[in-house]
């Protein structure tokens, strides 16, 4: 995710609860206004993002939910290295 949608990955690191809204088929876009790629996400549809978050995209076999993001942030904080979200 951090390679394909870097601003979204950074935003989810700061606001992990937002991922639950994104994972739902009718998730709210209002929460995502600070994301630079929002226009691109809307143009291409959020379906690709949702498939990645839900572990349904090709080559993705994990679900990225709030708990997973919090674990990744914990890894980042404990190792002092940049976090990679999915």
PDB file of N, CA and C in Angstrom:
ATOM      1  N   UNK A   1       0.822  -1.184   0.000  1.00  0.00           N
ATOM      2  CA  UNK A   1       0.000   0.000   0.000  1.00  0.00           C
ATOM      3  C   UNK A   1       0.868   1.251   0.000  1.00  0.00           C
ATOM      4  N   UNK A   2       1.947   1.233   0.750  1.00  0.00           N
ATOM      5  CA  UNK A   2       2.773   2.438   0.836  1.00  0.00           C
ATOM      6  C   UNK A   2       3.437   2.777  -0.497  1.00  0.00           C
ATOM      7  N   UNK A   3       3.629   1.805  -1.351  1.00  0.00           N
ATOM      8  CA  UNK A   3       4.196   2.082  -2.667  1.00  0.00           C
ATOM      9  C   UNK A   3       3.148   2.602  -3.643  1.00  0.00           C
ATOM     10  N   UNK A   4       1.959   2.062  -3.556  1.00  0.00           N
ATOM     11  CA  UNK A   4       0.915   2.430  -4.516  1.00  0.00           C
ATOM     12  C   UNK A   4       0.163   3.700  -4.107  1.00  0.00           C
ATOM     13  N   UNK A   5      -0.123   3.824  -2.811  1.00  0.00           N
ATOM     14  CA  UNK A   5      -0.863   4.974  -2.290  1.00  0.00           C
ATOM     15  C   UNK A   5      -0.154   5.524  -1.058  1.00  0.00           C
ATOM     16  N   UNK A   6       0.992   6.172  -1.232  1.00  0.00           N
ATOM     17  CA  UNK A   6       1.789   6.606  -0.075  1.00  0.00           C
ATOM     18  C   UNK A   6       1.060   7.561   0.871  1.00  0.00           C
ATOM     19  N   UNK A   7       0.312   8.493   0.345  1.00  0.00           N
ATOM     20  CA  UNK A   7      -0.402   9.420   1.232  1.00  0.00           C
ATOM     21  C   UNK A   7      -1.478   8.695   2.022  1.00  0.00           C
ATOM     22  N   UNK A   8      -2.132   7.730   1.401  1.00  0.00           N
ATOM     23  CA  UNK A   8      -3.138   6.944   2.107  1.00  0.00           C
ATOM     24  C   UNK A   8      -2.477   6.130   3.215  1.00  0.00           C
ATOM     25  N   UNK A   9      -1.349   5.525   2.933  1.00  0.00           N
ATOM     26  CA  UNK A   9      -0.636   4.746   3.948  1.00  0.00           C
ATOM     27  C   UNK A   9      -0.234   5.635   5.127  1.00  0.00           C
ATOM     28  N   UNK A  10       0.296   6.810   4.843  1.00  0.00           N
ATOM     29  CA  UNK A  10       0.676   7.745   5.909  1.00  0.00           C
ATOM     30  C   UNK A  10      -0.544   8.177   6.714  1.00  0.00           C
ATOM     31  N   UNK A  11      -1.637   8.441   6.014  1.00  0.00           N
ATOM     32  CA  UNK A  11      -2.856   8.866   6.694  1.00  0.00           C
ATOM     33  C   UNK A  11      -3.370   7.758   7.617  1.00  0.00           C
ATOM     34  N   UNK A  12      -3.334   6.506   7.136  1.00  0.00           N
ATOM     35  CA  UNK A  12      -3.810   5.398   7.950  1.00  0.00           C
ATOM     36  C   UNK A  12      -2.917   5.172   9.163  1.00  0.00           C
ATOM     37  N   UNK A  13      -1.631   5.476   9.039  1.00  0.00           N
ATOM     38  CA  UNK A  13      -0.743   5.380  10.197  1.00  0.00           C
ATOM     39  C   UNK A  13      -1.166   6.378  11.275  1.00  0.00           C
ATOM     40  N   UNK A  14      -1.573   7.553  10.856  1.00  0.00           N
ATOM     41  CA  UNK A  14      -1.977   8.596  11.813  1.00  0.00           C
ATOM     42  C   UNK A  14      -3.415   8.407  12.290  1.00  0.00           C
ATOM     43  N   UNK A  15      -4.253   7.790  11.464  1.00  0.00           N
ATOM     44  CA  UNK A  15      -5.675   7.620  11.774  1.00  0.00           C
ATOM     45  C   UNK A  15      -6.097   6.177  11.478  1.00  0.00           C
ATOM     46  N   UNK A  16      -5.604   5.209  12.250  1.00  0.00           N
ATOM     47  CA  UNK A  16      -5.868   3.803  11.931  1.00  0.00           C
ATOM     48  C   UNK A  16      -7.346   3.412  11.936  1.00  0.00           C
ATOM     49  N   UNK A  17      -8.185   4.102  12.696  1.00  0.00           N
ATOM     50  CA  UNK A  17      -9.611   3.748  12.734  1.00  0.00           C
ATOM     51  C   UNK A  17     -10.288   3.979  11.384  1.00  0.00           C
ATOM     52  N   UNK A  18      -9.721   4.868  10.579  1.00  0.00           N
ATOM     53  CA  UNK A  18     -10.298   5.189   9.272  1.00  0.00           C
ATOM     54  C   UNK A  18     -10.337   3.967   8.357  1.00  0.00           C
ATOM     55  N   UNK A  19      -9.438   3.024   8.564  1.00  0.00           N
ATOM     56  CA  UNK A  19      -9.373   1.862   7.684  1.00  0.00           C
ATOM     57  C   UNK A  19     -10.687   1.078   7.705  1.00  0.00           C
ATOM     58  N   UNK A  20     -11.359   1.055   8.841  1.00  0.00           N
ATOM     59  CA  UNK A  20     -12.621   0.308   8.917  1.00  0.00           C
ATOM     60  C   UNK A  20     -13.662   0.901   7.966  1.00  0.00           C
ATOM     61  N   UNK A  21     -13.674   2.206   7.862  1.00  0.00           N
ATOM     62  CA  UNK A  21     -14.594   2.872   6.946  1.00  0.00           C
ATOM     63  C   UNK A  21     -14.243   2.550   5.492  1.00  0.00           C
ATOM     64  N   UNK A  22     -12.963   2.493   5.197  1.00  0.00           N
ATOM     65  CA  UNK A  22     -12.512   2.201   3.835  1.00  0.00           C
ATOM     66  C   UNK A  22     -12.797   0.759   3.430  1.00  0.00           C
ATOM     67  N   UNK A  23     -12.742  -0.147   4.378  1.00  0.00           N
ATOM     68  CA  UNK A  23     -12.932  -1.565   4.061  1.00  0.00           C
ATOM     69  C   UNK A  23     -14.361  -1.897   3.685  1.00  0.00           C
ATOM     70  N   UNK A  24     -15.308  -1.066   4.090  1.00  0.00           N
ATOM     71  CA  UNK A  24     -16.726  -1.321   3.815  1.00  0.00           C
ATOM     72  C   UNK A  24     -17.079  -0.890   2.396  1.00  0.00           C
ATOM     73  N   UNK A  25     -18.003  -1.579   1.745  1.00  0.00           N
ATOM     74  CA  UNK A  25     -18.397  -1.220   0.377  1.00  0.00           C
ATOM     75  C   UNK A  25     -18.909   0.213   0.237  1.00  0.00           C
ATOM     76  N   UNK A  26     -19.537   0.741   1.265  1.00  0.00           N
ATOM     77  CA  UNK A  26     -20.061   2.102   1.193  1.00  0.00           C
ATOM     78  C   UNK A  26     -19.371   3.000   2.215  1.00  0.00           C
ATOM     79  N   UNK A  27     -18.057   2.833   2.339  1.00  0.00           N
ATOM     80  CA  UNK A  27     -17.294   3.626   3.299  1.00  0.00           C
ATOM     81  C   UNK A  27     -17.362   5.113   2.987  1.00  0.00           C
ATOM     82  N   UNK A  28     -17.228   5.914   4.016  1.00  0.00           N
ATOM     83  CA  UNK A  28     -17.324   7.368   3.869  1.00  0.00           C
ATOM     84  C   UNK A  28     -16.022   7.952   3.333  1.00  0.00           C
ATOM     85  N   UNK A  29     -16.130   8.793   2.318  1.00  0.00           N
ATOM     86  CA  UNK A  29     -14.960   9.481   1.793  1.00  0.00           C
ATOM     87  C   UNK A  29     -14.683  10.772   2.555  1.00  0.00           C
ATOM     88  N   UNK A  30     -15.653  11.253   3.312  1.00  0.00           N
ATOM     89  CA  UNK A  30     -15.478  12.509   4.047  1.00  0.00           C
ATOM     90  C   UNK A  30     -14.259  12.459   4.953  1.00  0.00           C
ATOM     91  N   UNK A  31     -13.987  11.311   5.539  1.00  0.00           N
ATOM     92  CA  UNK A  31     -12.872  11.166   6.462  1.00  0.00           C
ATOM     93  C   UNK A  31     -11.526  11.244   5.749  1.00  0.00           C
ATOM     94  N   UNK A  32     -11.518  11.105   4.436  1.00  0.00           N
ATOM     95  CA  UNK A  32     -10.272  10.990   3.693  1.00  0.00           C
ATOM     96  C   UNK A  32      -9.841  12.269   2.992  1.00  0.00           C
ATOM     97  N   UNK A  33     -10.484  13.377   3.255  1.00  0.00           N
ATOM     98  CA  UNK A  33     -10.177  14.613   2.539  1.00  0.00           C
ATOM     99  C   UNK A  33      -8.706  15.023   2.595  1.00  0.00           C
ATOM    100  N   UNK A  34      -7.971  14.770   3.687  1.00  0.00           N
ATOM    101  CA  UNK A  34      -6.565  15.194   3.722  1.00  0.00           C
ATOM    102  C   UNK A  34      -5.630  14.369   2.837  1.00  0.00           C
ATOM    103  N   UNK A  35      -6.124  13.328   2.201  1.00  0.00           N
ATOM    104  CA  UNK A  35      -5.259  12.451   1.418  1.00  0.00           C
ATOM    105  C   UNK A  35      -5.043  13.029   0.019  1.00  0.00           C
ATOM    106  N   UNK A  36      -3.783  13.152  -0.367  1.00  0.00           N
ATOM    107  CA  UNK A  36      -3.431  13.740  -1.658  1.00  0.00           C
ATOM    108  C   UNK A  36      -4.020  12.965  -2.827  1.00  0.00           C
ATOM    109  N   UNK A  37      -4.036  11.648  -2.732  1.00  0.00           N
ATOM    110  CA  UNK A  37      -4.510  10.822  -3.837  1.00  0.00           C
ATOM    111  C   UNK A  37      -6.022  10.634  -3.851  1.00  0.00           C
ATOM    112  N   UNK A  38      -6.759  11.393  -3.060  1.00  0.00           N
ATOM    113  CA  UNK A  38      -8.200  11.167  -2.970  1.00  0.00           C
ATOM    114  C   UNK A  38      -8.859  11.232  -4.342  1.00  0.00           C
ATOM    115  N   UNK A  39      -8.507  12.227  -5.151  1.00  0.00           N
ATOM    116  CA  UNK A  39      -9.101  12.323  -6.491  1.00  0.00           C
ATOM    117  C   UNK A  39      -8.802  11.076  -7.314  1.00  0.00           C
ATOM    118  N   UNK A  40      -7.571  10.604  -7.242  1.00  0.00           N
ATOM    119  CA  UNK A  40      -7.194   9.395  -7.981  1.00  0.00           C
ATOM    120  C   UNK A  40      -7.961   8.185  -7.454  1.00  0.00           C
ATOM    121  N   UNK A  41      -8.098   8.103  -6.130  1.00  0.00           N
ATOM    122  CA  UNK A  41      -8.842   6.987  -5.554  1.00  0.00           C
ATOM    123  C   UNK A  41     -10.295   7.002  -6.016  1.00  0.00           C
ATOM    124  N   UNK A  42     -10.872   8.183  -6.095  1.00  0.00           N
ATOM    125  CA  UNK A  42     -12.266   8.301  -6.526  1.00  0.00           C
ATOM    126  C   UNK A  42     -12.384   7.960  -8.005  1.00  0.00           C
ATOM    127  N   UNK A  43     -11.445   8.449  -8.821  1.00  0.00           N
ATOM    128  CA  UNK A  43     -11.491   8.185 -10.256  1.00  0.00           C
ATOM    129  C   UNK A  43     -11.379   6.694 -10.557  1.00  0.00           C
ATOM    130  N   UNK A  44     -10.468   6.027  -9.902  1.00  0.00           N
ATOM    131  CA  UNK A  44     -10.258   4.606 -10.170  1.00  0.00           C
ATOM    132  C   UNK A  44     -11.209   3.750  -9.364  1.00  0.00           C
ATOM    133  N   UNK A  45     -11.948   4.384  -8.471  1.00  0.00           N
ATOM    134  CA  UNK A  45     -12.837   3.647  -7.582  1.00  0.00           C
ATOM    135  C   UNK A  45     -12.058   3.134  -6.389  1.00  0.00           C
ATOM    136  N   UNK A  46     -12.731   3.021  -5.313  1.00  0.00           N
ATOM    137  CA  UNK A  46     -12.076   2.523  -4.109  1.00  0.00           C
ATOM    138  C   UNK A  46     -12.032   1.004  -4.074  1.00  0.00           C
ATOM    139  N   UNK A  47     -12.545   0.375  -5.118  1.00  0.00           N
ATOM    140  CA  UNK A  47     -12.573  -1.083  -5.140  1.00  0.00           C
ATOM    141  C   UNK A  47     -11.177  -1.690  -5.010  1.00  0.00           C
ATOM    142  N   UNK A  48     -10.197  -1.119  -5.704  1.00  0.00           N
ATOM    143  CA  UNK A  48      -8.832  -1.648  -5.616  1.00  0.00           C
ATOM    144  C   UNK A  48      -8.287  -1.518  -4.203  1.00  0.00           C
ATOM    145  N   UNK A  49      -8.519  -0.366  -3.589  1.00  0.00           N
ATOM    146  CA  UNK A  49      -8.059  -0.144  -2.217  1.00  0.00           C
ATOM    147  C   UNK A  49      -8.748  -1.142  -1.285  1.00  0.00           C
ATOM    148  N   UNK A  50     -10.041  -1.284  -1.443  1.00  0.00           N
ATOM    149  CA  UNK A  50     -10.792  -2.209  -0.577  1.00  0.00           C
ATOM    150  C   UNK A  50     -10.308  -3.648  -0.739  1.00  0.00           C
ATOM    151  N   UNK A  51     -10.018  -4.046  -1.976  1.00  0.00           N
ATOM    152  CA  UNK A  51      -9.522  -5.408  -2.194  1.00  0.00           C
ATOM    153  C   UNK A  51      -8.191  -5.625  -1.483  1.00  0.00           C
ATOM    154  N   UNK A  52      -7.316  -4.626  -1.531  1.00  0.00           N
ATOM    155  CA  UNK A  52      -6.030  -4.733  -0.829  1.00  0.00           C
ATOM    156  C   UNK A  52      -6.264  -4.795   0.677  1.00  0.00           C
ATOM    157  N   UNK A  53      -7.070  -3.876   1.211  1.00  0.00           N
ATOM    158  CA  UNK A  53      -7.320  -3.835   2.654  1.00  0.00           C
ATOM    159  C   UNK A  53      -7.973  -5.113   3.161  1.00  0.00           C
ATOM    160  N   UNK A  54      -8.828  -5.711   2.352  1.00  0.00           N
ATOM    161  CA  UNK A  54      -9.552  -6.913   2.759  1.00  0.00           C
ATOM    162  C   UNK A  54      -8.815  -8.206   2.406  1.00  0.00           C
ATOM    163  N   UNK A  55      -7.609  -8.085   1.840  1.00  0.00           N
ATOM    164  CA  UNK A  55      -6.827  -9.268   1.493  1.00  0.00           C
ATOM    165  C   UNK A  55      -7.365 -10.016   0.299  1.00  0.00           C
ATOM    166  N   UNK A  56      -8.093  -9.322  -0.576  1.00  0.00           N
ATOM    167  CA  UNK A  56      -8.735  -9.962  -1.724  1.00  0.00           C
ATOM    168  C   UNK A  56      -8.036  -9.661  -3.040  1.00  0.00           C
ATOM    169  N   UNK A  57      -7.032  -8.802  -3.043  1.00  0.00           N
ATOM    170  CA  UNK A  57      -6.317  -8.454  -4.275  1.00  0.00           C
ATOM    171  C   UNK A  57      -5.331  -9.569  -4.625  1.00  0.00           C
ATOM    172  N   UNK A  58      -4.986  -9.679  -5.895  1.00  0.00           N
ATOM    173  CA  UNK A  58      -4.002 -10.673  -6.327  1.00  0.00           C
ATOM    174  C   UNK A  58      -2.696 -10.450  -5.581  1.00  0.00           C
ATOM    175  N   UNK A  59      -2.168 -11.499  -5.018  1.00  0.00           N
ATOM    176  CA  UNK A  59      -0.895 -11.424  -4.312  1.00  0.00           C
ATOM    177  C   UNK A  59      -0.988 -10.886  -2.891  1.00  0.00           C
ATOM    178  N   UNK A  60      -2.184 -10.570  -2.435  1.00  0.00           N
ATOM    179  CA  UNK A  60      -2.368 -10.060  -1.075  1.00  0.00           C
ATOM    180  C   UNK A  60      -3.115 -11.122  -0.286  1.00  0.00           C
ATOM    181  N   UNK A  61      -2.472 -11.602   0.759  1.00  0.00           N
ATOM    182  CA  UNK A  61      -3.109 -12.664   1.537  1.00  0.00           C
ATOM    183  C   UNK A  61      -3.282 -12.298   3.007  1.00  0.00           C
ATOM    184  N   UNK A  62      -3.260 -11.006   3.306  1.00  0.00           N
ATOM    185  CA  UNK A  62      -3.491 -10.533   4.669  1.00  0.00           C
ATOM    186  C   UNK A  62      -4.548  -9.439   4.653  1.00  0.00           C
ATOM    187  N   UNK A  63      -5.234  -9.299   5.769  1.00  0.00           N
ATOM    188  CA  UNK A  63      -6.219  -8.239   5.921  1.00  0.00           C
ATOM    189  C   UNK A  63      -5.577  -7.098   6.681  1.00  0.00           C
ATOM    190  N   UNK A  64      -5.786  -5.887   6.202  1.00  0.00           N
ATOM    191  CA  UNK A  64      -5.250  -4.713   6.875  1.00  0.00           C
ATOM    192  C   UNK A  64      -6.400  -4.017   7.589  1.00  0.00           C
ATOM    193  N   UNK A  65      -6.485  -4.258   8.877  1.00  0.00           N
ATOM    194  CA  UNK A  65      -7.515  -3.613   9.683  1.00  0.00           C
ATOM    195  C   UNK A  65      -6.834  -2.724  10.720  1.00  0.00           C
ATOM    196  N   UNK A  66      -7.615  -2.139  11.597  1.00  0.00           N
ATOM    197  CA  UNK A  66      -7.055  -1.223  12.597  1.00  0.00           C
ATOM    198  C   UNK A  66      -6.010  -1.917  13.463  1.00  0.00           C
ATOM    199  N   UNK A  67      -6.285  -3.142  13.881  1.00  0.00           N
ATOM    200  CA  UNK A  67      -5.340  -3.872  14.729  1.00  0.00           C
ATOM    201  C   UNK A  67      -4.016  -4.108  14.003  1.00  0.00           C
ATOM    202  N   UNK A  68      -4.075  -4.446  12.716  1.00  0.00           N
ATOM    203  CA  UNK A  68      -2.855  -4.668  11.940  1.00  0.00           C
ATOM    204  C   UNK A  68      -2.052  -3.381  11.808  1.00  0.00           C
ATOM    205  N   UNK A  69      -2.737  -2.276  11.566  1.00  0.00           N
ATOM    206  CA  UNK A  69      -2.035  -0.990  11.455  1.00  0.00           C
ATOM    207  C   UNK A  69      -1.375  -0.640  12.781  1.00  0.00           C
ATOM    208  N   UNK A  70      -2.071  -0.851  13.873  1.00  0.00           N
ATOM    209  CA  UNK A  70      -1.493  -0.557  15.188  1.00  0.00           C
ATOM    210  C   UNK A  70      -0.270  -1.434  15.448  1.00  0.00           C
ATOM    211  N   UNK A  71      -0.315  -2.703  15.027  1.00  0.00           N
ATOM    212  CA  UNK A  71       0.866  -3.566  15.173  1.00  0.00           C
ATOM    213  C   UNK A  71       2.023  -3.039  14.333  1.00  0.00           C
ATOM    214  N   UNK A  72       1.740  -2.619  13.098  1.00  0.00           N
ATOM    215  CA  UNK A  72       2.790  -2.083  12.239  1.00  0.00           C
ATOM    216  C   UNK A  72       3.383  -0.803  12.811  1.00  0.00           C
ATOM    217  N   UNK A  73       2.552   0.031  13.352  1.00  0.00           N
ATOM    218  CA  UNK A  73       3.051   1.257  13.978  1.00  0.00           C
ATOM    219  C   UNK A  73       3.921   0.903  15.176  1.00  0.00           C
ATOM    220  N   UNK A  74       3.527  -0.097  15.933  1.00  0.00           N
ATOM    221  CA  UNK A  74       4.330  -0.550  17.071  1.00  0.00           C
ATOM    222  C   UNK A  74       5.688  -1.061  16.639  1.00  0.00           C
ATOM    223  N   UNK A  75       5.706  -1.779  15.520  1.00  0.00           N
ATOM    224  CA  UNK A  75       6.976  -2.266  14.978  1.00  0.00           C
ATOM    225  C   UNK A  75       7.844  -1.084  14.599  1.00  0.00           C
ATOM    226  N   UNK A  76       7.257  -0.102  13.961  1.00  0.00           N
ATOM    227  CA  UNK A  76       7.994   1.091  13.551  1.00  0.00           C
ATOM    228  C   UNK A  76       8.581   1.789  14.762  1.00  0.00           C
ATOM    229  N   UNK A  77       7.765   1.994  15.784  1.00  0.00           N
ATOM    230  CA  UNK A  77       8.216   2.733  16.959  1.00  0.00           C
ATOM    231  C   UNK A  77       9.312   1.973  17.697  1.00  0.00           C
ATOM    232  N   UNK A  78       9.220   0.662  17.765  1.00  0.00           N
ATOM    233  CA  UNK A  78      10.195  -0.099  18.534  1.00  0.00           C
ATOM    234  C   UNK A  78      11.520  -0.287  17.806  1.00  0.00           C
ATOM    235  N   UNK A  79      11.499  -0.205  16.483  1.00  0.00           N
ATOM    236  CA  UNK A  79      12.733  -0.412  15.725  1.00  0.00           C
ATOM    237  C   UNK A  79      13.304   0.861  15.128  1.00  0.00           C
ATOM    238  N   UNK A  80      12.613   1.984  15.275  1.00  0.00           N
ATOM    239  CA  UNK A  80      13.063   3.256  14.715  1.00  0.00           C
ATOM    240  C   UNK A  80      13.336   3.187  13.225  1.00  0.00           C
ATOM    241  N   UNK A  81      12.504   2.469  12.505  1.00  0.00           N
ATOM    242  CA  UNK A  81      12.615   2.419  11.056  1.00  0.00           C
ATOM    243  C   UNK A  81      11.293   2.853  10.471  1.00  0.00           C
ATOM    244  N   UNK A  82      11.310   3.332   9.225  1.00  0.00           N
ATOM    245  CA  UNK A  82      10.035   3.752   8.612  1.00  0.00           C
ATOM    246  C   UNK A  82       9.068   2.580   8.516  1.00  0.00           C
ATOM    247  N   UNK A  83       7.827   2.843   8.845  1.00  0.00           N
ATOM    248  CA  UNK A  83       6.811   1.805   8.764  1.00  0.00           C
ATOM    249  C   UNK A  83       6.352   1.629   7.331  1.00  0.00           C
ATOM    250  N   UNK A  84       6.083   0.417   6.980  1.00  0.00           N
ATOM    251  CA  UNK A  84       5.517   0.106   5.679  1.00  0.00           C
ATOM    252  C   UNK A  84       4.151  -0.486   5.937  1.00  0.00           C
ATOM    253  N   UNK A  85       3.135   0.175   5.441  1.00  0.00           N
ATOM    254  CA  UNK A  85       1.773  -0.302   5.631  1.00  0.00           C
ATOM    255  C   UNK A  85       1.394  -1.121   4.421  1.00  0.00           C
ATOM    256  N   UNK A  86       1.298  -2.411   4.630  1.00  0.00           N
ATOM    257  CA  UNK A  86       0.942  -3.422   3.629  1.00  0.00           C
ATOM    258  C   UNK A  86       1.776  -3.366   2.423  1.00  0.00           C
TER     259      UNK A  86
END
